[in-house]
Amino acid sequence: MESTKNRPRRSGSSSGQRRSFSNSNRRSSGGGSRGGTAGGYKGGNRRSAGGSGGGGRRGGGGRKMPTFDPSQFINKNPVEISEEVYVPKHKFSTFGLNGKLVKTIRDMGIETPSPIQDQVIPEILDGHDVIGLAETGTGKTAAFLVPIIEKTLKEYDRQTLILAPTRELAIQIQDELKKLTRDFKLYSTVCVGGTSIRPQIQSLRRQNHFVIATPGRILDLINQRKYDPSQVTTVVLDEADRMLDMGFIKDMRDILSLTPDDRETLFFSATMNKEAEKMVNDFMNDPITISVKKKDVTNSIAQDVVPHGHHDKFETLCKLFEGDELKRVIIFGAMKHSVEKLSKELVRHGISAESIHGNKTHPQRQRSLAKFKSGNARVLVATDVAARGIHVDNVSHVINYDLPNTFDDYVHRIGRTGRGTKRGKALTFVATK
């Protein structure tokens, strides 16, 4: 491994000077913590049985059928939760950012940072390792991109590696990055599975300020000596909990162990389990923890069960589409092959549908998603993993055609409807005895 003496050094205070916050409601080992409610600017491997994360090897074994109390899926009278109004301490113009970057953000129609941006951006600018506990839709992508862009403009030889669980999320991060860096000569590339590796190898021959990748593909490139992680300045683990759930733990550890010890590490996750805590303790340097949790979707979204017999499940689904209430629908299935089959059956019954799962190539997935977003398809049938990182506005219904593996997965599924001020509904199919 090459010497790191010519790499940009960590800016800001040393680990001994890192701050903790007395008003925190949550603390991590060795670091401080902050909280807030969501709002403001919202930015834009190994395969599991339920889908593909973007390039890796699939583990064997069948699917263990989950069991839930059906009453968990019923909430016919969702409550209106008025979230506490967060008052930011900063504006993008007061973070000390490059004037062109501030103008770009303003041109995007953004004046006020979201809670996680308001709290995370100063910590990253100061060179701290950060744990950001936040769900999708809180503006976390820009929360780490904006300060890293700023630091790269000042130290042009900085290199950032961003790891994401799926290729869709990686591409979404890249799209956000391109918007924010439109006026700067900063170079980036996406390295994910499901697409040809050759163009990615070609793009890595130039100096990239940002490499956005899924763990399986970037580890393949490292093993082929096409990507050198020894000069990485910052590592971002985005949606780290999902990467751990998908079995990337060893890949993530292998990748981090090949990066310099004095790198800056940013860890973003919706939850913090024991495996995540162990990784934080092993690879992060006295991190600051900032927690931004949104309203409890299980209380604010109308939910009900759809009973079905053992032989009329599909017929029961078709009956739901006889009216016009189900306008834009995401249906979750358990397995890749069953998702594809269900999508084709819906089309045969006159219901416009697209599917997204790990057996589809990246261009096929992108075409299916584009048709759903444009309204050319009424239904998107998806696996949990393949749908990770996909954000579509105005989803009227989420249907759990197959039960999720865990209740956390259920919460994540139904959170795709009823976003913002919109009202949504979640329906879960439950077999009658």
Protein backbone atom coordinates (compact mmCIF):
# COMPACT_ATOMS: atom_id res chain seq x y z
CA MET A 1 0.00 0.00 0.00
CA GLU A 2 1.35 3.41 -0.96
CA SER A 3 2.34 6.03 1.54
CA THR A 4 -0.42 8.42 2.60
CA LYS A 5 1.82 11.35 3.38
CA ASN A 6 0.69 13.19 0.22
CA ARG A 7 -2.98 12.64 0.89
CA PRO A 8 -5.10 15.50 2.20
CA ARG A 9 -5.14 15.28 5.96
CA ARG A 10 -8.17 15.32 8.21
CA SER A 11 -9.23 18.86 8.88
CA GLY A 12 -10.77 20.14 12.06
CA SER A 13 -10.11 19.17 15.64
CA SER A 14 -8.30 16.07 16.77
CA SER A 15 -10.14 13.19 18.36
CA GLY A 16 -9.28 14.52 21.77
CA GLN A 17 -11.04 17.78 21.03
CA ARG A 18 -14.25 16.35 19.65
CA ARG A 19 -17.38 17.66 21.21
CA SER A 20 -20.26 15.97 22.89
CA PHE A 21 -23.62 17.64 23.33
CA SER A 22 -25.28 17.87 26.70
CA ASN A 23 -28.75 18.28 25.18
CA SER A 24 -28.54 15.02 23.24
CA ASN A 25 -31.20 12.35 23.49
CA ARG A 26 -28.94 9.64 22.20
CA ARG A 27 -25.28 8.82 22.59
CA SER A 28 -22.88 6.57 20.79
CA SER A 29 -19.66 5.13 22.09
CA GLY A 30 -17.10 7.88 22.12
CA GLY A 31 -19.19 10.59 20.52
CA GLY A 32 -21.93 13.14 21.00
CA SER A 33 -25.48 13.10 19.73
CA ARG A 34 -28.12 15.43 18.41
CA GLY A 35 -31.70 15.12 17.29
CA GLY A 36 -34.27 16.87 15.17
CA THR A 37 -37.34 16.42 13.02
CA ALA A 38 -37.37 16.10 9.28
CA GLY A 39 -37.85 18.88 6.75
CA GLY A 40 -36.00 21.17 4.35
CA TYR A 41 -33.93 20.08 1.36
CA LYS A 42 -34.44 16.41 0.45
CA GLY A 43 -31.89 15.17 -2.02
CA GLY A 44 -32.78 13.32 -4.41
CA ASN A 45 -23.20 -7.21 -4.36
CA ARG A 46 -24.55 -9.75 -2.93
CA ARG A 47 -28.05 -10.73 -3.82
CA SER A 48 -30.59 -11.81 -1.29
CA ALA A 49 -33.48 -14.10 -2.05
CA GLY A 50 -35.71 -11.07 -2.48
CA GLY A 51 -33.73 -9.23 -5.14
CA SER A 52 -30.43 -7.75 -6.17
CA GLY A 53 -28.34 -5.10 -4.59
CA GLY A 54 -26.15 -4.47 -7.54
CA GLY A 55 -23.52 -7.09 -8.14
CA GLY A 56 -22.29 -9.95 -6.08
CA ARG A 57 -22.87 -13.57 -5.36
CA ARG A 58 -26.16 -14.93 -4.24
CA GLY A 59 -26.40 -17.03 -1.11
CA GLY A 60 -28.25 -20.33 -1.15
CA GLY A 61 -31.21 -21.54 0.80
CA GLY A 62 -34.93 -21.08 0.57
CA ARG A 63 -37.03 -18.34 2.03
CA LYS A 64 -38.17 -18.77 5.60
CA MET A 65 -41.81 -17.79 5.72
CA PRO A 66 -42.45 -14.92 8.14
CA THR A 67 -45.24 -14.99 10.69
CA PHE A 68 -47.06 -11.93 12.00
CA ASP A 69 -50.14 -11.17 14.00
CA PRO A 70 -52.54 -9.78 11.34
CA SER A 71 -53.66 -7.09 13.77
CA GLN A 72 -50.24 -5.47 13.26
CA PHE A 73 -51.37 -4.54 9.77
CA ILE A 74 -54.63 -2.82 10.74
CA ASN A 75 -54.96 0.89 11.39
CA LYS A 76 -58.17 2.14 9.82
CA ASN A 77 -58.07 5.49 11.58
CA PRO A 78 -54.61 6.96 11.11
CA VAL A 79 -53.83 9.91 13.32
CA GLU A 80 -52.66 13.25 12.07
CA ILE A 81 -49.30 13.91 13.68
CA SER A 82 -48.18 17.51 13.77
CA GLU A 83 -44.41 17.39 13.81
CA GLU A 84 -42.44 19.87 15.84
CA VAL A 85 -41.24 22.70 13.63
CA TYR A 86 -37.47 22.61 13.46
CA VAL A 87 -35.73 25.97 13.47
CA PRO A 88 -32.36 25.63 11.72
CA LYS A 89 -29.31 27.39 13.13
CA HIS A 90 -27.81 27.91 9.69
CA LYS A 91 -28.59 28.84 6.14
CA PHE A 92 -26.61 27.37 3.27
CA SER A 93 -25.14 30.85 2.87
CA THR A 94 -23.78 30.80 6.45
CA PHE A 95 -21.97 27.44 6.38
CA GLY A 96 -18.94 29.08 4.79
CA LEU A 97 -19.47 27.23 1.51
CA ASN A 98 -18.12 28.19 -1.90
CA GLY A 99 -20.28 30.95 -3.39
CA LYS A 100 -20.99 28.99 -6.59
CA LEU A 101 -22.12 25.98 -4.54
CA VAL A 102 -24.47 28.17 -2.50
CA LYS A 103 -25.85 29.65 -5.72
CA THR A 104 -26.41 26.18 -7.18
CA ILE A 105 -28.35 25.13 -4.09
CA ARG A 106 -30.37 28.35 -4.24
CA ASP A 107 -31.09 27.82 -7.94
CA MET A 108 -32.49 24.42 -6.99
CA GLY A 109 -35.06 26.33 -4.94
CA ILE A 110 -33.52 25.56 -1.56
CA GLU A 111 -32.95 28.19 1.10
CA THR A 112 -33.19 26.35 4.41
CA PRO A 113 -31.28 23.20 5.39
CA SER A 114 -33.18 20.23 6.78
CA PRO A 115 -32.45 19.21 10.39
CA ILE A 116 -29.87 16.59 9.47
CA GLN A 117 -28.19 18.97 7.03
CA ASP A 118 -28.19 21.76 9.59
CA GLN A 119 -26.43 19.55 12.13
CA VAL A 120 -24.28 17.23 9.99
CA ILE A 121 -22.73 19.71 7.54
CA PRO A 122 -20.72 21.65 10.17
CA GLU A 123 -19.40 18.42 11.71
CA ILE A 124 -18.19 17.06 8.37
CA LEU A 125 -16.63 20.43 7.50
CA ASP A 126 -14.76 20.24 10.82
CA GLY A 127 -13.37 16.80 9.92
CA HIS A 128 -15.36 14.70 12.37
CA ASP A 129 -16.51 11.17 11.79
CA VAL A 130 -20.32 11.25 11.82
CA ILE A 131 -23.11 8.75 12.46
CA GLY A 132 -26.31 10.07 10.92
CA LEU A 133 -29.43 8.21 12.01
CA ALA A 134 -32.10 9.17 9.51
CA GLU A 135 -34.64 7.56 7.22
CA THR A 136 -34.95 8.12 3.50
CA GLY A 137 -36.46 11.50 2.70
CA THR A 138 -34.70 13.57 5.37
CA GLY A 139 -32.17 15.12 3.00
CA LYS A 140 -29.27 12.95 4.13
CA THR A 141 -27.73 12.62 0.65
CA ALA A 142 -27.07 16.34 0.41
CA ALA A 143 -26.09 16.35 4.09
CA PHE A 144 -22.91 14.46 3.22
CA LEU A 145 -22.44 15.56 -0.41
CA VAL A 146 -22.45 19.32 0.23
CA PRO A 147 -19.61 19.40 2.80
CA ILE A 148 -17.52 16.82 0.93
CA ILE A 149 -17.85 18.88 -2.26
CA GLU A 150 -16.75 21.96 -0.34
CA LYS A 151 -13.70 20.19 1.09
CA THR A 152 -12.79 18.76 -2.32
CA LEU A 153 -12.88 22.21 -3.90
CA LYS A 154 -10.31 23.31 -1.33
CA GLU A 155 -8.21 20.13 -1.55
CA TYR A 156 -8.49 19.00 -5.16
CA ASP A 157 -6.72 15.66 -4.63
CA ARG A 158 -9.28 14.38 -2.15
CA GLN A 159 -10.90 11.04 -3.00
CA THR A 160 -14.28 9.95 -1.64
CA LEU A 161 -15.70 6.42 -1.76
CA ILE A 162 -19.47 6.20 -1.27
CA LEU A 163 -20.93 2.72 -0.65
CA ALA A 164 -24.65 2.09 -1.21
CA PRO A 165 -26.71 -1.12 -0.99
CA THR A 166 -28.25 -1.01 -4.49
CA ARG A 167 -27.38 0.29 -7.92
CA GLU A 168 -30.53 2.42 -7.98
CA LEU A 169 -29.46 4.26 -4.84
CA ALA A 170 -25.92 4.64 -6.19
CA ILE A 171 -27.27 6.23 -9.37
CA GLN A 172 -29.54 8.49 -7.35
CA ILE A 173 -26.53 9.72 -5.35
CA GLN A 174 -24.64 10.31 -8.59
CA ASP A 175 -27.55 12.32 -10.01
CA GLU A 176 -27.63 14.49 -6.88
CA LEU A 177 -23.88 14.96 -7.06
CA LYS A 178 -24.05 16.09 -10.69
CA LYS A 179 -26.69 18.69 -9.85
CA LEU A 180 -24.59 20.10 -7.03
CA THR A 181 -21.29 20.14 -8.97
CA ARG A 182 -22.57 21.46 -12.30
CA ASP A 183 -20.27 24.52 -12.11
CA PHE A 184 -17.15 22.64 -10.99
CA LYS A 185 -14.63 20.32 -12.61
CA LEU A 186 -15.16 17.44 -10.22
CA TYR A 187 -15.13 13.90 -11.58
CA SER A 188 -17.13 10.93 -10.43
CA THR A 189 -18.09 7.44 -11.54
CA VAL A 190 -20.56 4.75 -10.53
CA CYS A 191 -19.39 1.15 -10.09
CA VAL A 192 -22.29 -1.26 -9.62
CA GLY A 193 -23.23 -4.78 -10.62
CA GLY A 194 -25.80 -5.67 -13.24
CA THR A 195 -23.93 -3.68 -15.88
CA SER A 196 -20.73 -4.29 -17.83
CA ILE A 197 -17.60 -3.90 -15.75
CA ARG A 198 -15.47 -2.73 -18.68
CA PRO A 199 -16.77 0.88 -18.88
CA GLN A 200 -16.31 1.10 -15.12
CA ILE A 201 -12.70 -0.05 -15.39
CA GLN A 202 -12.19 2.55 -18.13
CA SER A 203 -13.67 5.32 -15.98
CA LEU A 204 -11.42 4.39 -13.05
CA ARG A 205 -8.32 5.07 -15.15
CA ARG A 206 -8.84 8.78 -14.67
CA GLN A 207 -8.63 10.58 -11.36
CA ASN A 208 -12.09 10.50 -9.75
CA HIS A 209 -12.99 12.70 -6.84
CA PHE A 210 -16.03 10.52 -6.09
CA VAL A 211 -16.50 6.80 -6.63
CA ILE A 212 -20.05 5.64 -5.85
CA ALA A 213 -20.36 1.89 -5.64
CA THR A 214 -22.08 -1.19 -4.34
CA PRO A 215 -19.79 -3.24 -2.07
CA GLY A 216 -19.65 -6.39 -4.20
CA ARG A 217 -18.65 -4.60 -7.41
CA ILE A 218 -16.05 -2.28 -5.88
CA LEU A 219 -14.45 -5.21 -4.05
CA ASP A 220 -14.24 -7.07 -7.36
CA LEU A 221 -12.50 -4.03 -8.87
CA ILE A 222 -10.12 -3.82 -5.92
CA ASN A 223 -9.26 -7.51 -6.25
CA GLN A 224 -8.61 -6.99 -9.97
CA ARG A 225 -6.32 -4.07 -9.06
CA LYS A 226 -8.49 -1.66 -11.03
CA TYR A 227 -9.29 0.51 -8.03
CA ASP A 228 -6.83 1.55 -5.33
CA PRO A 229 -8.53 2.37 -2.00
CA SER A 230 -5.25 3.35 -0.29
CA GLN A 231 -5.63 7.01 -1.29
CA VAL A 232 -9.24 7.40 -0.16
CA THR A 233 -9.80 10.43 2.06
CA THR A 234 -13.46 9.90 2.99
CA VAL A 235 -15.67 6.82 3.11
CA VAL A 236 -19.46 7.21 3.19
CA LEU A 237 -21.62 4.22 4.14
CA ASP A 238 -25.12 5.16 2.98
CA GLU A 239 -28.07 3.10 4.22
CA ALA A 240 -25.57 1.01 6.13
CA ASP A 241 -28.27 -1.00 7.89
CA ARG A 242 -29.55 -2.31 4.56
CA MET A 243 -26.06 -3.25 3.42
CA LEU A 244 -25.67 -5.25 6.62
CA ASP A 245 -29.09 -6.86 6.13
CA MET A 246 -28.09 -7.88 2.62
CA GLY A 247 -25.04 -9.76 3.84
CA PHE A 248 -22.38 -7.22 2.90
CA ILE A 249 -20.77 -7.20 6.33
CA LYS A 250 -17.58 -9.00 5.26
CA ASP A 251 -17.27 -6.97 2.05
CA MET A 252 -17.70 -3.71 3.96
CA ARG A 253 -15.08 -4.70 6.51
CA ASP A 254 -12.67 -5.80 3.80
CA ILE A 255 -13.08 -2.52 1.93
CA LEU A 256 -12.67 -0.35 5.03
CA SER A 257 -9.58 -2.27 6.12
CA LEU A 258 -7.90 -1.35 2.82
CA THR A 259 -8.45 2.39 3.26
CA PRO A 260 -6.11 4.63 5.30
CA ASP A 261 -6.51 4.69 9.06
CA ASP A 262 -6.81 8.48 9.07
CA ARG A 263 -9.70 8.60 6.60
CA GLU A 264 -12.93 10.35 7.52
CA THR A 265 -15.83 7.92 7.88
CA LEU A 266 -19.50 8.88 7.56
CA PHE A 267 -22.10 6.30 8.54
CA PHE A 268 -25.75 6.88 7.59
CA SER A 269 -28.43 4.45 8.70
CA ALA A 270 -32.09 4.34 9.69
CA THR A 271 -31.35 1.96 12.57
CA MET A 272 -28.38 0.92 14.68
CA ASN A 273 -28.18 -2.79 15.49
CA LYS A 274 -25.38 -4.69 17.24
CA GLU A 275 -23.56 -5.46 13.99
CA ALA A 276 -23.63 -1.79 13.05
CA GLU A 277 -22.41 -0.78 16.49
CA LYS A 278 -19.50 -3.19 16.22
CA MET A 279 -18.54 -1.79 12.83
CA VAL A 280 -18.72 1.75 14.19
CA ASN A 281 -16.49 0.82 17.11
CA ASP A 282 -13.97 -0.92 14.84
CA PHE A 283 -13.72 1.60 12.02
CA MET A 284 -14.78 5.05 13.24
CA ASN A 285 -12.79 7.58 15.22
CA ASP A 286 -14.79 9.11 18.09
CA PRO A 287 -17.85 9.82 15.93
CA ILE A 288 -20.51 12.44 16.51
CA THR A 289 -24.02 10.92 16.39
CA ILE A 290 -26.89 12.97 14.98
CA SER A 291 -30.36 11.45 15.05
CA VAL A 292 -33.23 12.72 12.93
CA LYS A 293 -36.31 10.53 13.16
CA LYS A 294 -39.48 11.29 11.23
CA LYS A 295 -43.03 10.66 12.31
CA ASP A 296 -44.09 7.08 12.99
CA VAL A 297 -45.52 5.95 9.67
CA THR A 298 -47.38 3.07 11.28
CA ASN A 299 -49.58 5.62 13.04
CA SER A 300 -50.07 8.03 10.15
CA ILE A 301 -50.90 5.70 7.22
CA ALA A 302 -54.22 3.91 6.82
CA GLN A 303 -53.59 0.16 6.94
CA ASP A 304 -55.79 -2.87 6.50
CA VAL A 305 -55.56 -6.58 5.69
CA VAL A 306 -56.96 -8.31 2.62
CA PRO A 307 -58.06 -11.87 3.47
CA HIS A 308 -57.78 -14.43 0.71
CA GLY A 309 -58.27 -18.14 0.26
CA HIS A 310 -55.56 -20.56 -0.76
CA HIS A 311 -56.67 -20.59 -4.39
CA ASP A 312 -58.03 -17.10 -5.05
CA LYS A 313 -55.17 -14.79 -4.06
CA PHE A 314 -54.63 -13.36 -7.54
CA GLU A 315 -58.35 -12.99 -8.20
CA THR A 316 -58.65 -11.08 -4.92
CA LEU A 317 -55.87 -8.73 -6.07
CA CYS A 318 -57.55 -8.09 -9.43
CA LYS A 319 -60.82 -7.16 -7.73
CA LEU A 320 -59.02 -4.35 -5.88
CA PHE A 321 -58.25 -2.75 -9.25
CA GLU A 322 -61.85 -2.74 -10.49
CA GLY A 323 -62.40 0.77 -9.17
CA ASP A 324 -60.21 3.82 -9.71
CA GLU A 325 -59.09 4.26 -6.09
CA LEU A 326 -55.78 2.48 -6.71
CA LYS A 327 -54.09 5.07 -8.91
CA ARG A 328 -50.35 4.48 -8.49
CA VAL A 329 -49.51 1.24 -6.68
CA ILE A 330 -46.37 -0.55 -5.51
CA ILE A 331 -46.89 -4.27 -4.92
CA PHE A 332 -44.25 -6.10 -2.91
CA GLY A 333 -43.49 -9.75 -3.60
CA ALA A 334 -41.10 -12.12 -1.90
CA MET A 335 -39.09 -13.65 -4.71
CA LYS A 336 -37.68 -12.46 -8.02
CA HIS A 337 -39.43 -15.07 -10.13
CA SER A 338 -42.79 -14.55 -8.41
CA VAL A 339 -42.56 -10.77 -8.89
CA GLU A 340 -41.96 -11.22 -12.63
CA LYS A 341 -44.81 -13.71 -12.92
CA LEU A 342 -47.23 -11.47 -11.03
CA SER A 343 -46.39 -8.49 -13.22
CA LYS A 344 -47.08 -10.47 -16.41
CA GLU A 345 -50.34 -11.84 -15.01
CA LEU A 346 -51.55 -8.31 -14.19
CA VAL A 347 -50.78 -7.17 -17.74
CA ARG A 348 -52.70 -10.15 -19.14
CA HIS A 349 -55.69 -9.02 -17.07
CA GLY A 350 -55.56 -5.48 -18.46
CA ILE A 351 -53.70 -3.82 -15.59
CA SER A 352 -50.62 -1.92 -16.77
CA ALA A 353 -47.71 -3.15 -14.69
CA GLU A 354 -43.91 -3.20 -14.61
CA SER A 355 -41.57 -5.23 -12.45
CA ILE A 356 -38.23 -4.56 -10.82
CA HIS A 357 -36.07 -7.32 -9.36
CA GLY A 358 -32.56 -8.70 -9.34
CA ASN A 359 -32.87 -10.88 -12.43
CA LYS A 360 -33.40 -7.82 -14.61
CA THR A 361 -30.46 -5.98 -16.10
CA HIS A 362 -29.82 -2.44 -15.03
CA PRO A 363 -31.25 -0.89 -18.24
CA GLN A 364 -34.37 -3.04 -17.91
CA ARG A 365 -34.88 -1.90 -14.32
CA GLN A 366 -34.41 1.73 -15.26
CA ARG A 367 -36.96 1.43 -18.10
CA SER A 368 -39.52 -0.18 -15.78
CA LEU A 369 -39.01 2.51 -13.18
CA ALA A 370 -39.30 5.29 -15.77
CA LYS A 371 -42.62 3.91 -17.02
CA PHE A 372 -43.98 3.78 -13.47
CA LYS A 373 -42.80 7.28 -12.61
CA SER A 374 -44.25 8.71 -15.84
CA GLY A 375 -47.65 7.11 -15.22
CA ASN A 376 -47.44 4.76 -18.20
CA ALA A 377 -47.62 1.89 -15.74
CA ARG A 378 -50.20 1.90 -12.97
CA VAL A 379 -48.39 -0.77 -10.94
CA LEU A 380 -44.80 -1.49 -10.02
CA VAL A 381 -44.23 -5.02 -8.67
CA ALA A 382 -40.98 -5.21 -6.72
CA THR A 383 -38.84 -7.14 -4.29
CA ASP A 384 -37.71 -5.40 -1.11
CA VAL A 385 -34.06 -5.23 -2.08
CA ALA A 386 -34.60 -4.13 -5.68
CA ALA A 387 -36.91 -1.33 -4.53
CA ARG A 388 -34.37 0.01 -2.03
CA GLY A 389 -33.39 3.56 -2.88
CA ILE A 390 -36.32 4.10 -5.25
CA HIS A 391 -38.36 7.22 -4.56
CA VAL A 392 -41.61 7.85 -6.42
CA ASP A 393 -44.03 10.63 -5.55
CA ASN A 394 -47.80 10.25 -5.19
CA VAL A 395 -47.96 6.51 -4.57
CA SER A 396 -51.59 6.00 -3.55
CA HIS A 397 -51.27 2.42 -2.26
CA VAL A 398 -48.68 -0.08 -1.14
CA ILE A 399 -49.79 -3.72 -1.31
CA ASN A 400 -47.95 -6.45 0.57
CA TYR A 401 -48.88 -9.32 -1.72
CA ASP A 402 -46.33 -11.44 0.15
CA LEU A 403 -45.54 -10.82 3.78
CA PRO A 404 -42.30 -8.99 4.56
CA ASN A 405 -39.52 -10.84 6.37
CA THR A 406 -39.52 -8.49 9.37
CA PHE A 407 -41.74 -5.82 10.82
CA ASP A 408 -39.01 -3.25 10.04
CA ASP A 409 -39.32 -4.25 6.39
CA TYR A 410 -43.07 -3.74 6.66
CA VAL A 411 -42.57 -0.23 8.01
CA HIS A 412 -40.12 0.55 5.23
CA ARG A 413 -42.54 -0.74 2.58
CA ILE A 414 -45.56 1.24 3.67
CA GLY A 415 -43.48 4.39 4.09
CA ARG A 416 -43.48 4.70 0.30
CA THR A 417 -47.04 5.97 0.39
CA GLY A 418 -48.49 8.92 2.28
CA ARG A 419 -45.35 11.02 1.89
CA GLY A 420 -45.36 14.67 2.87
CA THR A 421 -48.92 16.01 2.95
CA LYS A 422 -50.28 13.17 0.80
CA ARG A 423 -52.53 10.50 2.25
CA GLY A 424 -51.82 6.90 1.41
CA LYS A 425 -53.00 3.40 2.23
CA ALA A 426 -51.27 0.08 2.85
CA LEU A 427 -52.93 -3.29 2.27
CA THR A 428 -51.50 -6.62 3.41
CA PHE A 429 -52.66 -9.97 2.05
CA VAL A 430 -53.32 -12.51 4.79
CA ALA A 431 -54.35 -16.09 4.09
CA THR A 432 -57.50 -17.31 5.81
CA LYS A 433 -57.31 -20.62 7.66
